[in-house]
Protein backbone atom coordinates (compact mmCIF):
# COMPACT_ATOMS: atom_id res chain seq x y z
CA MET A 1 30.48 0.68 2.80
CA ARG A 2 27.50 1.51 0.63
CA VAL A 3 24.37 0.66 2.62
CA GLY A 4 20.83 0.58 1.24
CA ILE A 5 17.79 0.82 3.49
CA LEU A 6 14.43 0.00 1.91
CA ASP A 7 11.18 0.46 3.83
CA LEU A 8 8.57 -1.58 1.93
CA LEU A 9 5.06 -0.23 2.55
CA VAL A 10 3.29 -2.15 -0.25
CA ASP A 11 4.08 -5.02 -2.60
CA ALA A 12 2.41 -3.85 -5.81
CA PRO A 13 2.73 -0.82 -8.08
CA VAL A 14 -0.18 1.58 -8.34
CA ARG A 15 -2.14 1.23 -11.57
CA SER A 16 -4.60 4.13 -11.67
CA PRO A 17 -4.51 7.92 -11.20
CA LEU A 18 -6.65 7.67 -8.06
CA ALA A 19 -4.41 4.98 -6.60
CA ARG A 20 -1.36 7.12 -7.35
CA LEU A 21 -2.99 10.07 -5.60
CA TYR A 22 -3.75 7.87 -2.58
CA SER A 23 -0.18 6.56 -2.49
CA ASN A 24 1.52 9.93 -2.96
CA TYR A 25 -0.51 11.74 -0.33
CA PHE A 26 -1.53 9.07 2.16
CA ARG A 27 0.13 5.66 1.81
CA LYS A 28 3.67 7.06 1.73
CA GLN A 29 3.12 8.60 5.17
CA PHE A 30 3.09 5.12 6.74
CA MET A 31 6.88 4.94 6.86
CA GLY A 32 8.50 3.27 9.88
CA ILE A 33 10.66 4.89 12.51
CA MET A 34 13.24 2.08 12.80
CA PRO A 35 14.44 2.15 9.15
CA GLN A 36 15.16 5.86 9.64
CA THR A 37 16.91 5.07 12.92
CA VAL A 38 19.10 2.44 11.25
CA ALA A 39 19.94 4.94 8.50
CA VAL A 40 21.16 7.46 11.10
CA TRP A 41 23.23 4.83 12.89
CA CYS A 42 24.84 3.68 9.64
CA ARG A 43 25.67 7.29 8.76
CA GLN A 44 27.15 7.88 12.22
CA LEU A 45 29.24 4.73 11.80
CA GLY A 46 30.84 6.30 8.72
CA HIS A 47 29.02 4.52 5.91
CA GLU A 48 27.39 5.91 2.76
CA VAL A 49 23.65 5.52 3.24
CA PHE A 50 20.82 5.32 0.71
CA TYR A 51 17.39 5.35 2.38
CA VAL A 52 14.12 5.03 0.45
CA THR A 53 10.51 3.98 0.98
CA TYR A 54 8.47 2.03 -1.56
CA TYR A 55 4.78 2.91 -1.63
CA GLY A 56 3.78 1.64 -5.07
CA VAL A 57 5.33 4.36 -7.24
CA ASP A 58 8.40 3.58 -9.42
CA ASP A 59 10.21 0.24 -9.31
CA PRO A 60 11.29 -1.12 -5.91
CA LYS A 61 14.65 -2.37 -7.22
CA SER A 62 15.52 0.79 -9.11
CA VAL A 63 15.01 3.14 -6.15
CA LEU A 64 18.33 1.97 -4.69
CA PRO A 65 21.78 1.92 -6.37
CA ASP A 66 22.99 -1.33 -7.89
CA ASP A 67 26.43 -1.39 -6.24
CA LEU A 68 25.45 -1.85 -2.60
CA ASP A 69 27.45 -3.81 -0.03
CA VAL A 70 24.56 -4.30 2.39
CA VAL A 71 20.81 -3.87 2.07
CA PHE A 72 18.45 -3.60 5.03
CA MET A 73 14.75 -4.13 4.34
CA ALA A 74 11.84 -3.50 6.67
CA THR A 75 8.40 -4.76 5.75
CA TYR A 76 4.95 -5.64 6.93
CA THR A 77 3.94 -9.26 6.39
CA GLN A 78 1.70 -8.12 3.52
CA ALA A 79 4.73 -7.12 1.43
CA CYS A 80 7.03 -9.96 2.46
CA THR A 81 6.88 -11.81 -0.86
CA LEU A 82 8.22 -8.78 -2.72
CA ALA A 83 10.93 -8.51 -0.05
CA TYR A 84 11.82 -12.17 -0.64
CA ALA A 85 12.08 -11.67 -4.40
CA LEU A 86 14.26 -8.59 -4.02
CA ALA A 87 16.48 -10.40 -1.50
CA LYS A 88 17.11 -13.20 -4.00
CA LEU A 89 18.25 -10.65 -6.57
CA TYR A 90 20.51 -8.83 -4.11
CA ARG A 91 22.07 -12.06 -2.83
CA LYS A 92 22.76 -13.11 -6.40
CA ASP A 93 24.80 -9.90 -6.72
CA GLY A 94 26.74 -10.66 -3.54
CA VAL A 95 24.95 -8.10 -1.36
CA LEU A 96 24.52 -8.92 2.34
CA THR A 97 20.75 -8.97 2.94
CA VAL A 98 19.15 -8.14 6.30
CA ILE A 99 15.45 -8.02 7.10
CA GLY A 100 13.75 -6.31 10.04
CA GLY A 101 10.35 -4.85 10.77
CA PRO A 102 7.05 -6.46 11.76
CA HIS A 103 7.38 -9.45 9.44
CA ALA A 104 10.86 -10.36 10.65
CA ARG A 105 9.65 -10.26 14.25
CA ALA A 106 6.65 -12.46 13.43
CA PHE A 107 8.22 -15.01 11.06
CA PRO A 108 12.03 -14.90 11.26
CA GLN A 109 12.64 -18.50 10.18
CA ASP A 110 10.64 -18.01 7.00
CA CYS A 111 12.67 -14.86 6.29
CA LEU A 112 15.96 -16.76 6.56
CA ARG A 113 15.11 -18.75 3.45
CA PHE A 114 15.86 -15.57 1.50
CA PHE A 115 17.81 -13.19 3.77
CA ASP A 116 21.22 -13.64 5.34
CA LEU A 117 20.04 -12.26 8.67
CA ALA A 118 16.65 -11.68 10.32
CA VAL A 119 16.65 -8.99 13.01
CA LYS A 120 13.94 -9.01 15.66
CA ASP A 121 15.31 -6.18 17.84
CA CYS A 122 18.36 -4.04 17.31
CA ASP A 123 20.56 -1.24 18.54
CA LYS A 124 23.51 0.68 17.10
CA ALA A 125 26.08 -1.83 18.35
CA LEU A 126 24.26 -4.70 16.67
CA ILE A 127 24.06 -2.75 13.40
CA ASP A 128 27.82 -2.17 13.63
CA ASP A 129 28.39 -5.90 14.13
CA ILE A 130 26.27 -6.65 11.06
CA LEU A 131 28.15 -4.16 8.89
CA ARG A 132 31.53 -5.47 10.07
CA ARG A 133 30.41 -9.03 9.19
CA ARG A 134 30.88 -10.21 12.76
CA ILE A 135 27.69 -12.29 12.64
CA ASP A 136 27.50 -15.43 10.56
CA PRO A 137 24.64 -15.56 8.02
CA GLY A 138 21.60 -17.72 8.65
CA GLN A 139 20.75 -16.38 12.10
CA THR A 140 17.84 -14.68 13.79
CA ILE A 141 19.45 -11.98 15.93
CA THR A 142 18.28 -9.58 18.60
CA SER A 143 20.11 -7.26 20.91
CA GLY A 144 18.28 -8.21 24.05
CA ARG A 145 16.78 -5.26 25.94
CA PRO A 146 14.28 -2.47 25.17
CA LEU A 147 15.82 0.42 23.26
CA THR A 148 15.24 3.64 25.19
CA GLN A 149 17.37 6.07 23.16
CA PHE A 150 16.56 6.86 19.54
CA PRO A 151 18.22 9.35 17.20
CA THR A 152 16.69 12.79 17.47
CA VAL A 153 14.23 14.13 14.92
CA GLU A 154 16.94 16.53 13.76
CA GLU A 155 19.29 13.60 13.11
CA ARG A 156 16.52 11.80 11.19
CA MET A 157 15.50 14.85 9.18
CA PRO A 158 17.19 13.75 5.91
CA GLU A 159 15.17 10.51 6.02
CA ILE A 160 11.98 12.28 7.11
CA LYS A 161 12.22 14.66 4.15
CA LYS A 162 12.86 11.79 1.75
CA ALA A 163 9.93 9.74 3.04
CA SER A 164 7.35 12.38 3.87
CA PHE A 165 7.85 15.36 1.58
CA VAL A 166 6.64 15.57 -2.03
CA GLY A 167 8.94 17.24 -4.55
CA GLY A 168 11.26 18.26 -1.72
CA ARG A 169 8.54 20.21 0.08
CA PRO A 170 6.24 19.31 2.97
CA ILE A 171 2.59 18.79 2.12
CA LEU A 172 -0.54 19.17 4.20
CA MET A 173 -0.26 15.59 5.44
CA SER A 174 3.52 15.28 5.86
CA ILE A 175 4.28 13.12 8.89
CA VAL A 176 7.16 12.90 11.35
CA PRO A 177 7.16 9.43 13.00
CA MET A 178 8.07 9.50 16.70
CA LEU A 179 7.93 7.38 19.84
CA SER A 180 7.29 8.47 23.41
CA SER A 181 7.09 4.91 24.75
CA ILE A 182 7.41 1.28 23.76
CA GLY A 183 5.33 -1.70 24.81
CA CYS A 184 1.77 -1.80 26.14
CA PRO A 185 0.11 -2.64 29.48
CA TYR A 186 -2.60 -4.69 27.76
CA ARG A 187 -2.18 -8.31 26.67
CA CYS A 188 -4.42 -8.59 23.59
CA ASP A 189 -3.83 -12.06 22.16
CA PHE A 190 -3.82 -10.89 18.53
CA CYS A 191 -1.18 -8.17 19.00
CA VAL A 192 2.54 -8.59 18.31
CA ASP A 193 3.20 -6.36 21.36
CA TRP A 194 1.23 -8.67 23.66
CA ASN A 195 4.29 -9.46 25.82
CA ALA A 196 6.19 -6.18 25.42
CA ASP A 197 6.27 -4.39 28.77
CA PHE A 198 5.42 -0.71 28.71
CA VAL A 199 8.49 1.55 28.98
CA ALA A 200 8.31 5.34 28.79
CA LEU A 201 11.16 6.91 26.81
CA PRO A 202 13.10 9.87 28.27
CA GLU A 203 10.95 12.97 28.57
CA THR A 204 13.94 15.17 27.77
CA GLN A 205 14.23 13.78 24.26
CA LEU A 206 10.49 14.04 23.64
CA GLU A 207 10.58 17.69 24.62
CA ALA A 208 13.72 18.39 22.57
CA ASP A 209 12.20 16.78 19.46
CA MET A 210 8.95 18.70 19.81
CA ARG A 211 10.83 21.97 20.33
CA TYR A 212 12.96 21.31 17.24
CA LEU A 213 9.83 20.80 15.15
CA ALA A 214 8.12 23.85 16.68
CA ASP A 215 11.12 26.01 15.78
CA ASN A 216 11.82 24.61 12.32
CA TYR A 217 8.79 22.72 10.94
CA PRO A 218 5.74 23.83 12.97
CA LYS A 219 3.24 22.68 10.34
CA LEU A 220 4.45 19.07 10.17
CA LEU A 221 2.28 16.46 11.86
CA VAL A 222 3.79 14.16 14.46
CA ALA A 223 2.63 10.54 14.29
CA PHE A 224 3.34 8.74 17.56
CA HIS A 225 4.03 5.08 16.79
CA ASP A 226 3.56 4.04 20.43
CA PRO A 227 1.47 0.86 20.66
CA ASN A 228 -0.56 2.71 23.31
CA PHE A 229 0.18 6.43 23.59
CA ALA A 230 0.13 8.36 26.88
CA VAL A 231 -0.22 5.44 29.27
CA ARG A 232 1.52 7.86 31.64
CA PHE A 233 -1.01 10.48 30.61
CA ASP A 234 -0.28 13.51 32.77
CA PRO A 235 3.54 13.39 32.51
CA THR A 236 3.30 13.01 28.72
CA MET A 237 0.82 15.87 28.39
CA ASP A 238 3.02 18.00 30.66
CA VAL A 239 5.91 17.59 28.23
CA LEU A 240 3.80 18.53 25.21
CA ALA A 241 2.32 21.50 27.08
CA ARG A 242 5.81 22.92 27.66
CA ILE A 243 5.95 23.82 23.95
CA PRO A 244 4.66 27.41 23.65
CA GLU A 245 0.99 27.65 22.74
CA GLY A 246 0.56 28.40 19.04
CA GLN A 247 3.81 26.60 18.17
CA ARG A 248 2.83 23.10 19.24
CA PRO A 249 2.93 20.67 16.28
CA GLY A 250 -0.25 18.74 15.71
CA TYR A 251 0.01 15.08 16.60
CA ILE A 252 -1.65 11.76 15.81
CA MET A 253 -1.77 8.88 18.24
CA GLU A 254 -3.24 5.46 18.94
CA SER A 255 -4.55 4.95 22.44
CA SER A 256 -7.14 2.99 24.39
CA LEU A 257 -10.38 4.69 25.38
CA SER A 258 -9.70 3.64 28.96
CA ILE A 259 -6.81 6.13 28.99
CA LEU A 260 -8.83 8.92 27.34
CA LYS A 261 -11.11 9.56 30.30
CA PRO A 262 -13.56 12.48 29.91
CA ASN A 263 -11.73 14.59 32.50
CA ARG A 264 -8.53 14.29 30.42
CA LEU A 265 -9.88 15.29 27.02
CA GLN A 266 -9.30 19.01 27.47
CA ARG A 267 -5.56 18.33 27.63
CA LEU A 268 -5.67 16.73 24.18
CA ARG A 269 -6.97 19.98 22.68
CA GLU A 270 -4.49 22.06 24.68
CA THR A 271 -1.55 20.04 23.37
CA ASN A 272 -2.86 20.07 19.76
CA CYS A 273 -3.92 16.45 19.28
CA VAL A 274 -5.49 16.33 15.81
CA TYR A 275 -6.18 12.61 15.32
CA VAL A 276 -6.72 9.71 17.69
CA ALA A 277 -7.29 6.02 16.92
CA PRO A 278 -8.60 4.00 19.89
CA GLY A 279 -8.99 0.24 19.66
CA ILE A 280 -12.55 -0.94 20.32
CA GLU A 281 -11.78 -4.39 18.84
CA SER A 282 -15.00 -6.27 19.69
CA TRP A 283 -18.49 -5.67 21.08
CA VAL A 284 -18.18 -8.76 23.25
CA ASP A 285 -14.48 -8.87 24.19
CA TYR A 286 -11.46 -6.64 25.01
CA SER A 287 -13.78 -4.31 26.94
CA ALA A 288 -11.10 -3.17 29.40
CA LYS A 289 -9.35 -1.26 26.61
CA ALA A 290 -12.61 0.48 25.71
CA GLY A 291 -13.05 1.70 29.27
CA VAL A 292 -16.42 0.01 29.77
CA GLY A 293 -15.43 -2.62 32.32
CA SER A 294 -17.13 -5.93 31.58
CA LYS A 295 -20.00 -4.45 29.56
CA SER A 296 -20.75 -5.80 26.09
CA GLY A 297 -23.30 -5.65 23.30
CA GLU A 298 -25.64 -2.68 23.03
CA VAL A 299 -24.63 -1.34 26.44
CA LYS A 300 -21.01 -1.19 25.31
CA LEU A 301 -22.09 0.40 22.02
CA ASP A 302 -23.99 3.20 23.76
CA GLN A 303 -21.08 3.97 26.08
CA VAL A 304 -18.51 3.89 23.27
CA VAL A 305 -20.62 6.16 21.04
CA GLU A 306 -21.01 8.64 23.90
CA HIS A 307 -17.28 8.49 24.63
CA PHE A 308 -16.48 9.33 20.99
CA ARG A 309 -19.05 12.13 21.06
CA GLN A 310 -17.22 13.65 24.01
CA LEU A 311 -13.84 13.00 22.38
CA GLY A 312 -15.01 14.78 19.22
CA ASP A 313 -15.52 17.99 21.19
CA TYR A 314 -11.76 18.14 21.70
CA VAL A 315 -10.15 16.23 18.79
CA GLN A 316 -11.05 16.77 15.13
CA GLY A 317 -9.94 13.45 13.63
CA MET A 318 -11.02 10.11 15.08
CA GLN A 319 -10.65 6.47 14.09
CA ALA A 320 -12.05 3.34 15.75
CA ASN A 321 -10.30 -0.01 15.26
CA PHE A 322 -12.40 -3.18 15.19
CA LEU A 323 -11.55 -6.87 14.96
CA PHE A 324 -14.47 -8.80 13.49
CA GLY A 325 -14.50 -12.60 13.44
CA GLY A 326 -12.88 -13.45 16.75
CA ASP A 327 -13.99 -16.51 18.66
CA GLU A 328 -16.45 -14.46 20.74
CA ASP A 329 -18.23 -13.12 17.64
CA ALA A 330 -21.31 -15.03 16.49
CA GLY A 331 -24.44 -14.30 14.47
CA VAL A 332 -25.51 -10.91 13.15
CA MET A 333 -25.22 -9.03 16.45
CA PRO A 334 -21.61 -7.81 15.95
CA VAL A 335 -22.47 -6.76 12.39
CA GLU A 336 -25.53 -4.73 13.36
CA LEU A 337 -23.72 -3.09 16.26
CA THR A 338 -20.82 -2.10 14.02
CA LYS A 339 -23.17 -0.67 11.39
CA SER A 340 -25.01 1.22 14.11
CA PHE A 341 -21.71 2.63 15.37
CA ILE A 342 -20.84 3.81 11.84
CA GLU A 343 -24.23 5.47 11.41
CA ARG A 344 -24.12 7.16 14.81
CA THR A 345 -20.54 8.45 14.56
CA PRO A 346 -20.00 9.93 11.05
CA ARG A 347 -16.90 11.81 12.19
CA VAL A 348 -15.19 8.56 13.22
CA TRP A 349 -13.44 6.43 10.60
CA PRO A 350 -13.92 2.71 11.39
CA THR A 351 -11.27 0.19 10.40
CA ILE A 352 -12.58 -3.38 10.23
CA ASN A 353 -9.79 -5.91 10.70
CA ILE A 354 -9.92 -9.62 9.97
CA PRO A 355 -8.31 -11.91 12.60
CA THR A 356 -4.83 -12.75 11.34
CA PRO A 357 -2.52 -15.41 12.86
CA PHE A 358 0.68 -13.36 13.05
CA GLY A 359 3.68 -15.18 14.46
CA ALA A 360 4.73 -14.91 18.11
CA THR A 361 1.18 -14.20 19.31
CA PRO A 362 -1.08 -16.29 21.56
CA LEU A 363 -3.78 -16.04 18.90
CA ARG A 364 -1.63 -17.95 16.41
CA GLU A 365 -0.75 -20.52 19.04
CA ARG A 366 -4.42 -21.21 19.75
CA TYR A 367 -5.35 -21.41 16.08
CA ALA A 368 -2.41 -23.74 15.45
CA ARG A 369 -3.38 -26.07 18.30
CA GLU A 370 -6.91 -26.24 16.93
CA GLY A 371 -5.74 -26.81 13.35
CA ARG A 372 -7.50 -23.69 12.07
CA ILE A 373 -4.66 -21.97 10.19
CA LEU A 374 -4.59 -22.26 6.39
CA GLU A 375 -0.96 -23.34 6.50
CA THR A 376 -0.24 -23.17 2.75
CA LEU A 377 -1.67 -19.67 2.27
CA PRO A 378 1.27 -17.35 1.48
CA PHE A 379 2.03 -14.78 4.15
CA ALA A 380 1.38 -12.07 1.55
CA PHE A 381 -2.34 -12.67 2.17
CA TYR A 382 -2.12 -12.01 5.90
CA TYR A 383 -4.14 -8.81 5.70
CA ASN A 384 -7.57 -7.55 4.66
CA PRO A 385 -9.56 -8.68 2.70
CA TYR A 386 -8.11 -12.19 2.94
CA LEU A 387 -8.92 -14.86 5.50
CA ALA A 388 -6.00 -17.01 6.71
CA ILE A 389 -7.91 -19.09 9.28
CA ARG A 390 -11.10 -21.05 9.75
CA LEU A 391 -13.44 -19.06 11.97
CA LYS A 392 -15.18 -20.57 14.98
CA HIS A 393 -18.73 -19.34 14.38
CA TYR A 394 -18.91 -18.37 10.68
CA ASP A 395 -18.54 -20.35 7.49
CA PRO A 396 -16.55 -18.43 4.86
CA VAL A 397 -19.51 -17.32 2.72
CA THR A 398 -21.52 -16.05 5.69
CA TYR A 399 -18.48 -14.23 7.04
CA TYR A 400 -17.85 -12.42 3.76
CA ASP A 401 -21.55 -11.58 3.51
CA HIS A 402 -21.21 -9.84 6.88
CA LEU A 403 -18.02 -8.02 5.86
CA ILE A 404 -19.69 -6.81 2.67
CA ASP A 405 -22.70 -5.61 4.65
CA ILE A 406 -20.47 -3.58 6.98
CA HIS A 407 -18.39 -2.13 4.15
CA LYS A 408 -21.47 -1.12 2.16
CA THR A 409 -22.44 1.09 5.08
CA LEU A 410 -18.87 2.28 5.58
CA ALA A 411 -18.28 3.25 1.95
CA SER A 412 -21.73 4.60 1.09
CA ALA A 413 -22.10 7.98 -0.58
CA ARG A 414 -24.43 9.04 2.21
CA MET A 415 -21.79 8.39 4.86
CA LEU A 416 -19.16 10.23 2.81
CA ARG A 417 -21.44 13.27 2.56
CA ARG A 418 -21.95 13.21 6.30
CA ARG A 419 -18.20 12.97 6.90
CA VAL A 420 -17.12 15.75 4.56
CA THR A 421 -19.84 18.11 5.81
CA ALA A 422 -19.08 17.43 9.48
CA ARG A 423 -17.27 20.00 11.58
CA SER A 424 -13.63 19.08 10.97
CA ARG A 425 -10.42 20.35 9.41
CA PRO A 426 -9.99 20.29 5.63
CA THR A 427 -7.18 17.76 6.12
CA ILE A 428 -9.54 15.37 7.92
CA ARG A 429 -12.19 15.71 5.22
CA PHE A 430 -9.54 15.04 2.55
CA ILE A 431 -8.37 11.93 4.42
CA HIS A 432 -11.98 10.70 4.68
CA SER A 433 -12.36 11.12 0.92
CA LEU A 434 -9.18 9.15 0.21
CA ARG A 435 -10.13 6.43 2.66
CA THR A 436 -13.60 6.14 1.17
CA PHE A 437 -11.94 5.47 -2.18
CA ALA A 438 -9.83 2.76 -0.53
CA ALA A 439 -12.95 1.32 1.14
CA HIS A 440 -14.65 0.98 -2.26
CA THR A 441 -11.60 -0.89 -3.51
CA GLU A 442 -11.75 -3.24 -0.52
CA LEU A 443 -15.50 -3.74 -0.96
CA ALA A 444 -14.90 -4.86 -4.55
CA ALA A 445 -12.24 -7.29 -3.33
CA LEU A 446 -14.58 -8.71 -0.68
CA ARG A 447 -17.27 -9.29 -3.30
CA ARG A 448 -14.78 -11.00 -5.58
CA ILE A 449 -13.68 -13.42 -2.85
CA ARG A 450 -17.28 -14.10 -1.87
CA LYS A 451 -18.07 -14.93 -5.50
CA MET A 452 -15.11 -17.33 -5.64
CA LEU A 453 -16.34 -19.09 -2.50
CA VAL A 454 -19.73 -19.69 -4.12
CA THR A 455 -18.63 -20.61 -7.64
CA ASP A 456 -15.27 -22.39 -7.15
CA ARG A 457 -15.53 -25.70 -5.25
CA GLN A 458 -11.76 -26.02 -4.75
CA PHE A 459 -11.54 -22.47 -3.40
CA ARG A 460 -14.35 -23.17 -0.93
CA ALA A 461 -12.80 -26.50 0.11
CA PHE A 462 -9.49 -24.76 0.83
CA HIS A 463 -11.14 -22.23 3.11
CA GLU A 464 -13.14 -24.93 4.87
CA GLY A 465 -10.00 -26.95 5.59
CA GLU A 466 -10.85 -29.88 3.33
CA THR A 467 -7.68 -29.47 1.23
CA THR A 468 -4.30 -27.80 1.63
CA ALA A 469 -3.76 -27.32 -2.11
CA LEU A 470 -3.38 -23.61 -2.75
CA PRO A 471 -6.13 -22.46 -5.13
CA PRO A 472 -4.96 -20.98 -8.48
CA PHE A 473 -6.75 -17.75 -7.45
CA TYR A 474 -4.05 -16.95 -4.90
CA ARG A 475 -1.15 -17.86 -7.16
CA GLN A 476 -2.53 -15.60 -9.89
CA GLU A 477 -3.30 -12.82 -7.41
CA LEU A 478 0.30 -12.90 -6.23
CA ARG A 479 1.62 -12.92 -9.78
CA ASP A 480 -0.48 -9.87 -10.62
CA ARG A 481 0.83 -8.02 -7.58
CA LEU A 482 4.48 -8.90 -8.10
CA GLY A 483 4.50 -8.14 -11.82
CA ARG A 484 8.04 -8.42 -13.18
CA TYR A 485 9.17 -10.12 -9.95
CA ALA A 486 6.57 -12.92 -10.14
CA ASP A 487 8.85 -15.53 -11.74
CA ILE A 488 11.63 -15.12 -9.21
CA LEU A 489 9.85 -17.24 -6.58
CA SER A 490 8.59 -20.79 -7.06
CA LEU A 491 5.40 -22.21 -5.59
CA ASP A 492 7.45 -23.90 -2.87
CA GLU A 493 9.11 -20.59 -2.03
CA ILE A 494 5.83 -18.71 -1.59
CA THR A 495 4.51 -21.50 0.65
CA PRO A 496 5.29 -20.40 4.21
CA ILE A 497 7.20 -22.26 6.87
CA ALA A 498 4.98 -22.72 9.91
CA GLU A 499 6.25 -20.99 13.04
CA HIS A 500 4.23 -21.43 16.21
CA CYS A 501 6.54 -20.56 19.09
CA ALA A 502 5.23 -17.48 20.93
CA ASP A 503 8.33 -17.28 23.13
CA ASP A 504 10.90 -14.59 22.39
CA THR A 505 13.79 -16.97 21.80
CA ARG A 506 17.21 -15.39 21.49
CA SER A 507 20.18 -16.47 19.45
CA GLU A 508 23.75 -16.69 20.69
CA ALA A 509 24.44 -13.48 18.78
CA SER A 510 21.87 -11.62 20.89
CA GLN A 511 23.28 -12.94 24.15
CA GLU A 512 26.78 -11.93 23.17
CA ASN A 513 25.67 -8.47 22.08
CA GLY A 514 23.52 -7.85 25.17
CA ALA A 515 22.67 -4.25 24.28
CA ALA A 516 19.38 -2.36 24.18
CA SER A 517 16.79 -3.16 21.53
CA ALA A 518 13.79 -1.82 19.64
CA HIS A 519 11.40 -3.02 16.98
CA ALA A 520 13.59 -3.34 13.92
């Protein structure tokens, strides 16, 4: 059969030269590992495979052939509405439509309004069953156990080249997505991996993949997609250290500061870690991940700043992930501490996330019980700079005032100068420049929403929970993003179906299949 695999990274085409530059050299590197894995499996099963990523360049429908038998799509929740529109077109042509990825795991029932199948977890046997039409449409399916064997990097190389290279050649920022583990030992209530037990993948495959890259593509960067990299720190570093010095590919990873203890940092430099993104989350909560025990406020700030200072002696690129607006945040204290962190750590890129009620998380369950979710807001707005809930301690205008205050510091010309003149690799300085451009774009969006909250009574009433009628602002925003696909979906179709069950329910198809699984 002719099988299309589309990894949707965005839902809107780029519209400016700067945005195209950002997409071509940065956004496109956010491809997923599971779409590539499914492509390999389909090829091994004897099918003709067409794998592409959509990152805002070209038309998402035209990047795949028209005469497909099956199309697999993977998408973040942000791009789900485009996925829904494309699925309607493919189904009209008689194509079997299957959705996986983060959105399918979070909101499978909503997906089934448009797709024949929603896959939460999968393995090769389940993919074979789908292609052989052994599973009736209209089901959420999962294979049942953690997947511990992935195709090798060499087997995925055709997909890696297609997704990561530019003009058939690797660029300075070309990425190879990999996993050394799945799951996480922490139970953060906002995270879709909150109940996924940590499982280390076979060390033999990790070593084989790194050796293959060292021998054939030593300048490519490895991006570990582990929810929390190197939980088994020493064994993981031992594997990476077995690659000969001078041939070790640089790697990027997300980890908790509690794992990156000062006495371990030397091993990061030895194994060629070039970028690390710890989750700080909050100045008053989630402190165990930050390695500060029960400390909070300014004491936590001082310890975290010092930890990053030490980390910066061994790793060139650093990012800190924050969640602002949780139920423990109140007043200006979190804002001032975050601004102080930005000022004191110019080499660290801060990402400021808005609490989002993703499906199958305890956070969504709590918000739903308390009636704080904006139920009619389309899932396409479940990302920054949009607010999908009513906050506990901030009214909408005050909250956006705080976000704007933080982003003004983050995106200032003074901070950019400090970042690009800091001791770091040219690649890191280039990334900081691109991300500063993106931060300016987000700052403009924050100001626009804040203005709407002040000037549009209906818009304010919606965000304060006084009405469930979706403001015209969001309908128009979605139309602008979808462009030629805007008329495919009705207002009812962009209104989400509420899903509040945090349990990992399994269909009969998953129980019958009973094989290993991974994030589809």
